[in-house]
Amino acid sequence: MRLVNFRTKDRTGFGVEQDGLVFPLGSAGYASDLAFFAAGEQGRVAARRHLGRPEAERIPLAEVQLLPPVLKPGKILCIGLNYRDHAIESGMELPKVPTVFLKLPSAVTGPDADIVLPRQSAQPDYEAELAAVIGPGGRNIAPEDWEKHIAGYTILNDVSARDIQLATSQWTLGKSFDTFCPIGPAVVTTDEIRDPHALDIRLSIGGEVLQRSNTRELIFKLPELIAYISSIVPLEPGDMISTGTPAGVGLGRKPQRWLLPGEQIEIAIEGLGTLRNRTVEAHS
């Protein structure tokens, strides 16, 4: 299932996008994304049953605005240097343990939304990433139980102000300007993704492909990441683990390539669709 948050002329809602239609899940008992994620398999069963009902409400996809498929993630846990080629282009050793940093939830924006390039940074950059959305939470999750705790997967652009990020050893502020966390267009449930560690991932700007890889190149895969993170902090419904970016970011190019106003960024991940956003200059 493709799970979406949406807005129409008179309301916002949460539902399933299928065959050019959106099926709101409020009448199935899941008016919010977090309630659905927390329910795990019970929520998926209820949604499938709801989709089969002739009387289920349907809204044409063309009549809604898609919002971030996770409206208010509690934690956005990002993994740095998690593709071998990206660590090499960054001139850093392969990490021996996951490099975990945070993006603040206030940075979240949705598909087709503008990425606002802040005046404080001369080095805004792009990063295509696969993100796992936590379903039922937990602490000290065993690696073999990792799939029980994932609701689905989405695309995340880890937009980064490199000059702010690298001014100190702490990356959070440089990663967390408003609109610096586009996600979407949907959360695709785990039953539709056979192996999240075998997905093609690609980023292009204005039609030029700048990143191309496959998630099989991840250094730390989701079983390790979920076990490691949950041994330190609890994972909760709606939390996101963004698994890192492959080579080709602007920082690692020669010459370096920064985002400019008016550029169309497209990130495509196999099975998840395409996340599109346009850059704009900050007005103040």
Protein backbone atom coordinates (compact mmCIF):
# COMPACT_ATOMS: atom_id res chain seq x y z
CA MET A 1 0.00 0.00 0.00
CA ARG A 2 1.01 3.59 -0.67
CA LEU A 3 0.17 5.63 2.44
CA VAL A 4 -0.30 9.37 2.06
CA ASN A 5 -1.33 12.47 3.95
CA PHE A 6 -3.40 14.80 1.81
CA ARG A 7 -5.25 18.10 1.71
CA THR A 8 -8.41 18.95 -0.22
CA LYS A 9 -10.29 22.23 -0.36
CA ASP A 10 -12.05 21.53 2.92
CA ARG A 11 -9.98 19.07 4.96
CA THR A 12 -6.78 17.17 5.55
CA GLY A 13 -6.62 13.42 5.93
CA PHE A 14 -4.63 10.19 5.86
CA GLY A 15 -5.24 7.35 3.46
CA VAL A 16 -4.12 4.96 0.75
CA GLU A 17 -3.26 6.08 -2.78
CA GLN A 18 -4.13 3.45 -5.38
CA ASP A 19 -4.82 3.57 -9.12
CA GLY A 20 -5.12 7.34 -9.26
CA LEU A 21 -7.46 7.51 -6.26
CA VAL A 22 -7.03 8.32 -2.57
CA PHE A 23 -9.01 6.24 -0.05
CA PRO A 24 -9.25 8.08 3.29
CA LEU A 25 -8.82 5.74 6.26
CA GLY A 26 -10.62 7.80 8.89
CA SER A 27 -13.76 5.66 8.70
CA ALA A 28 -11.56 2.55 9.02
CA GLY A 29 -10.31 3.82 12.38
CA TYR A 30 -7.08 5.45 11.25
CA ALA A 31 -7.49 9.18 10.87
CA SER A 32 -3.76 9.83 11.42
CA ASP A 33 -0.53 8.37 10.15
CA LEU A 34 0.89 7.77 13.64
CA ALA A 35 -2.13 5.74 14.71
CA PHE A 36 -1.75 3.58 11.61
CA PHE A 37 2.01 3.11 12.07
CA ALA A 38 1.57 2.11 15.71
CA ALA A 39 -1.06 -0.50 14.79
CA GLY A 40 1.34 -2.57 12.69
CA GLU A 41 -0.21 -5.52 10.88
CA GLN A 42 -3.61 -4.80 12.43
CA GLY A 43 -3.71 -1.47 10.60
CA ARG A 44 -2.70 -3.01 7.29
CA VAL A 45 -5.42 -5.66 7.58
CA ALA A 46 -8.03 -3.00 8.35
CA ALA A 47 -6.89 -0.88 5.41
CA ARG A 48 -7.05 -3.79 2.96
CA ARG A 49 -10.54 -4.63 4.16
CA HIS A 50 -11.58 -0.99 3.79
CA LEU A 51 -10.24 -0.78 0.22
CA GLY A 52 -12.45 -3.73 -0.74
CA ARG A 53 -15.67 -2.07 0.36
CA PRO A 54 -17.78 -0.67 -2.50
CA GLU A 55 -18.94 2.20 -0.28
CA ALA A 56 -15.40 3.30 0.66
CA GLU A 57 -14.83 6.98 -0.05
CA ARG A 58 -12.61 7.71 -3.05
CA ILE A 59 -11.03 11.02 -4.02
CA PRO A 60 -9.30 11.48 -7.39
CA LEU A 61 -5.59 11.97 -6.83
CA ALA A 62 -5.68 15.01 -9.11
CA GLU A 63 -8.00 16.72 -6.62
CA VAL A 64 -5.70 16.49 -3.59
CA GLN A 65 -2.43 18.05 -2.53
CA LEU A 66 -0.06 15.45 -1.17
CA LEU A 67 1.50 16.41 2.16
CA PRO A 68 4.51 14.76 3.82
CA PRO A 69 3.53 11.10 4.29
CA VAL A 70 4.79 11.40 7.89
CA LEU A 71 3.46 14.72 9.13
CA LYS A 72 5.24 14.96 12.48
CA PRO A 73 8.01 12.39 12.93
CA GLY A 74 9.20 12.32 16.51
CA LYS A 75 12.81 11.65 15.51
CA ILE A 76 14.59 11.81 12.17
CA LEU A 77 17.71 9.69 12.62
CA CYS A 78 20.12 10.02 9.72
CA ILE A 79 23.11 7.81 8.97
CA GLY A 80 26.24 9.53 7.70
CA LEU A 81 28.84 8.00 5.38
CA ASN A 82 26.81 4.82 4.93
CA TYR A 83 27.60 4.17 1.25
CA ARG A 84 31.14 3.05 0.54
CA ASP A 85 31.53 5.35 -2.45
CA HIS A 86 30.24 8.40 -0.54
CA ALA A 87 32.68 7.84 2.34
CA ILE A 88 35.50 7.64 -0.19
CA GLU A 89 34.47 10.83 -2.02
CA SER A 90 34.24 12.60 1.36
CA GLY A 91 37.83 11.61 2.14
CA MET A 92 36.81 9.77 5.31
CA GLU A 93 37.48 6.28 6.60
CA LEU A 94 34.67 3.75 6.50
CA PRO A 95 32.89 3.98 9.85
CA LYS A 96 33.24 1.12 12.33
CA VAL A 97 29.91 1.99 13.98
CA PRO A 98 26.96 3.88 12.45
CA THR A 99 27.40 7.65 12.31
CA VAL A 100 24.04 8.88 13.56
CA PHE A 101 22.91 12.51 13.49
CA LEU A 102 19.55 14.27 13.68
CA LYS A 103 17.48 16.38 11.36
CA LEU A 104 14.87 18.37 13.26
CA PRO A 105 11.24 17.50 12.43
CA SER A 106 10.53 21.19 11.71
CA ALA A 107 12.56 20.74 8.49
CA VAL A 108 10.02 18.30 7.00
CA THR A 109 8.23 19.26 3.80
CA GLY A 110 6.35 17.24 1.22
CA PRO A 111 6.38 16.22 -2.44
CA ASP A 112 6.26 19.08 -4.97
CA ALA A 113 6.95 21.57 -2.16
CA ASP A 114 9.63 24.24 -2.50
CA ILE A 115 13.07 23.85 -0.94
CA VAL A 116 13.96 27.30 0.36
CA LEU A 117 17.67 28.09 0.01
CA PRO A 118 18.63 30.14 3.08
CA ARG A 119 20.61 33.35 2.86
CA GLN A 120 22.89 32.09 5.64
CA SER A 121 24.43 29.42 3.39
CA ALA A 122 26.43 29.61 0.17
CA GLN A 123 26.76 25.83 -0.07
CA PRO A 124 23.34 24.12 -0.13
CA ASP A 125 23.62 20.50 -1.20
CA TYR A 126 21.39 17.51 -2.04
CA GLU A 127 21.41 13.92 -0.77
CA ALA A 128 19.12 11.15 -2.08
CA GLU A 129 18.23 8.66 0.64
CA LEU A 130 16.02 5.68 1.43
CA ALA A 131 14.19 6.20 4.74
CA ALA A 132 12.52 3.55 6.88
CA VAL A 133 9.45 4.63 8.85
CA ILE A 134 9.04 2.97 12.24
CA GLY A 135 5.78 1.18 12.97
CA PRO A 136 5.40 -0.50 16.36
CA GLY A 137 8.25 0.86 18.45
CA GLY A 138 10.62 -0.80 20.82
CA ARG A 139 13.86 -0.83 22.78
CA ASN A 140 16.75 -3.25 22.40
CA ILE A 141 15.30 -4.72 19.22
CA ALA A 142 17.10 -7.86 18.06
CA PRO A 143 18.56 -7.67 14.53
CA GLU A 144 16.42 -10.60 13.40
CA ASP A 145 13.25 -8.74 14.46
CA TRP A 146 13.92 -5.59 12.47
CA GLU A 147 11.08 -6.05 9.95
CA LYS A 148 8.46 -6.25 12.71
CA HIS A 149 9.21 -2.62 13.57
CA ILE A 150 9.07 -1.00 10.12
CA ALA A 151 5.79 0.33 8.75
CA GLY A 152 7.23 1.13 5.33
CA TYR A 153 9.71 3.07 3.27
CA THR A 154 9.85 6.50 1.71
CA ILE A 155 12.25 8.81 -0.13
CA LEU A 156 14.09 11.53 1.79
CA ASN A 157 16.26 14.35 0.49
CA ASP A 158 18.80 15.18 3.20
CA VAL A 159 19.32 18.76 2.05
CA SER A 160 22.41 20.16 3.75
CA ALA A 161 23.99 23.59 4.18
CA ARG A 162 27.58 22.37 3.98
CA ASP A 163 29.22 25.55 5.26
CA ILE A 164 26.98 25.53 8.34
CA GLN A 165 27.19 21.76 8.77
CA LEU A 166 30.97 21.56 8.61
CA ALA A 167 31.71 24.68 10.63
CA THR A 168 31.60 22.45 13.73
CA SER A 169 31.61 18.73 14.49
CA GLN A 170 27.85 18.88 15.16
CA TRP A 171 25.78 18.56 11.99
CA THR A 172 22.21 19.11 13.20
CA LEU A 173 21.75 22.82 12.49
CA GLY A 174 23.28 22.63 9.01
CA LYS A 175 20.82 19.85 8.20
CA SER A 176 17.70 21.43 9.70
CA PHE A 177 16.83 24.67 7.94
CA ASP A 178 13.12 24.92 7.13
CA THR A 179 12.22 22.70 4.12
CA PHE A 180 15.55 20.82 4.30
CA CYS A 181 13.79 17.46 4.72
CA PRO A 182 11.54 16.74 1.74
CA ILE A 183 9.92 13.30 2.05
CA GLY A 184 7.44 11.33 -0.03
CA PRO A 185 5.50 11.02 -2.14
CA ALA A 186 4.19 8.09 -0.06
CA VAL A 187 5.17 5.56 2.57
CA VAL A 188 5.16 2.19 0.80
CA THR A 189 4.37 -0.65 3.18
CA THR A 190 6.90 -3.39 3.73
CA ASP A 191 4.80 -6.08 2.03
CA GLU A 192 5.38 -4.32 -1.31
CA ILE A 193 9.18 -4.06 -0.98
CA ARG A 194 10.74 -7.49 -1.11
CA ASP A 195 14.23 -6.36 -0.12
CA PRO A 196 15.02 -2.74 0.85
CA HIS A 197 18.70 -3.56 0.42
CA ALA A 198 18.42 -4.13 -3.34
CA LEU A 199 16.79 -0.94 -4.66
CA ASP A 200 18.11 1.33 -7.39
CA ILE A 201 18.41 4.95 -6.23
CA ARG A 202 18.92 7.97 -8.47
CA LEU A 203 18.95 11.77 -8.14
CA SER A 204 18.78 14.18 -11.04
CA ILE A 205 18.62 17.95 -11.33
CA GLY A 206 17.17 19.43 -14.48
CA GLY A 207 17.38 16.00 -16.08
CA GLU A 208 21.11 15.53 -15.31
CA VAL A 209 21.76 12.41 -13.23
CA LEU A 210 24.09 13.29 -10.36
CA GLN A 211 23.64 10.29 -8.05
CA ARG A 212 23.08 6.70 -9.10
CA SER A 213 23.56 3.62 -6.93
CA ASN A 214 21.78 0.70 -5.27
CA THR A 215 20.97 0.19 -1.61
CA ARG A 216 22.98 -3.03 -1.66
CA GLU A 217 26.00 -0.69 -1.27
CA LEU A 218 24.95 0.34 2.26
CA ILE A 219 27.64 -0.31 4.86
CA PHE A 220 25.21 -0.68 7.76
CA LYS A 221 21.88 -2.18 6.74
CA LEU A 222 18.57 -1.85 8.53
CA PRO A 223 18.88 -4.87 10.87
CA GLU A 224 22.11 -3.42 12.27
CA LEU A 225 20.82 0.15 12.36
CA ILE A 226 17.59 -0.70 14.18
CA ALA A 227 19.39 -2.91 16.71
CA TYR A 228 22.10 -0.31 17.33
CA ILE A 229 19.85 2.74 17.64
CA SER A 230 17.20 0.98 19.76
CA SER A 231 19.90 -0.14 22.19
CA ILE A 232 20.46 3.54 23.00
CA VAL A 233 17.14 5.33 22.44
CA PRO A 234 13.63 3.92 22.01
CA LEU A 235 12.22 3.80 18.51
CA GLU A 236 8.63 5.09 18.37
CA PRO A 237 5.87 5.00 15.74
CA GLY A 238 6.56 7.53 13.01
CA ASP A 239 10.26 7.88 13.74
CA MET A 240 12.36 7.79 10.59
CA ILE A 241 15.76 6.23 9.92
CA SER A 242 17.31 7.73 6.80
CA THR A 243 19.93 5.27 5.63
CA GLY A 244 22.50 7.56 3.98
CA THR A 245 23.36 8.83 0.54
CA PRO A 246 25.55 7.47 -2.29
CA ALA A 247 28.36 9.27 -4.08
CA GLY A 248 27.70 12.25 -6.32
CA VAL A 249 26.74 14.93 -3.81
CA GLY A 250 27.75 18.50 -4.62
CA LEU A 251 30.35 18.58 -1.86
CA GLY A 252 32.31 15.70 -3.41
CA ARG A 253 32.28 16.95 -7.01
CA LYS A 254 35.15 18.71 -8.77
CA PRO A 255 34.29 21.50 -9.10
CA GLN A 256 31.83 21.44 -6.22
CA ARG A 257 28.22 21.83 -7.28
CA TRP A 258 25.76 23.70 -5.04
CA LEU A 259 22.01 24.06 -5.37
CA LEU A 260 20.75 27.19 -7.11
CA PRO A 261 17.29 28.80 -7.12
CA GLY A 262 14.91 27.49 -9.77
CA GLU A 263 16.27 23.93 -10.00
CA GLN A 264 14.02 20.86 -10.22
CA ILE A 265 15.31 17.97 -8.09
CA GLU A 266 14.00 14.46 -8.69
CA ILE A 267 14.85 11.44 -6.56
CA ALA A 268 13.66 8.04 -7.78
CA ILE A 269 13.93 4.87 -5.72
CA GLU A 270 12.83 1.55 -7.15
CA GLY A 271 9.36 0.62 -5.91
CA LEU A 272 8.80 3.91 -4.09
CA GLY A 273 8.22 6.37 -6.92
CA THR A 274 9.73 9.80 -7.47
CA LEU A 275 10.09 12.71 -5.06
CA ARG A 276 10.11 16.07 -6.85
CA ASN A 277 10.96 19.45 -5.35
CA ARG A 278 11.98 22.83 -6.70
CA THR A 279 14.49 25.19 -5.13
CA VAL A 280 13.60 28.81 -4.45
CA GLU A 281 15.50 31.72 -2.99
CA ALA A 282 14.60 32.88 0.50
CA HIS A 283 12.68 36.15 0.49
CA SER A 284 14.00 37.40 3.82
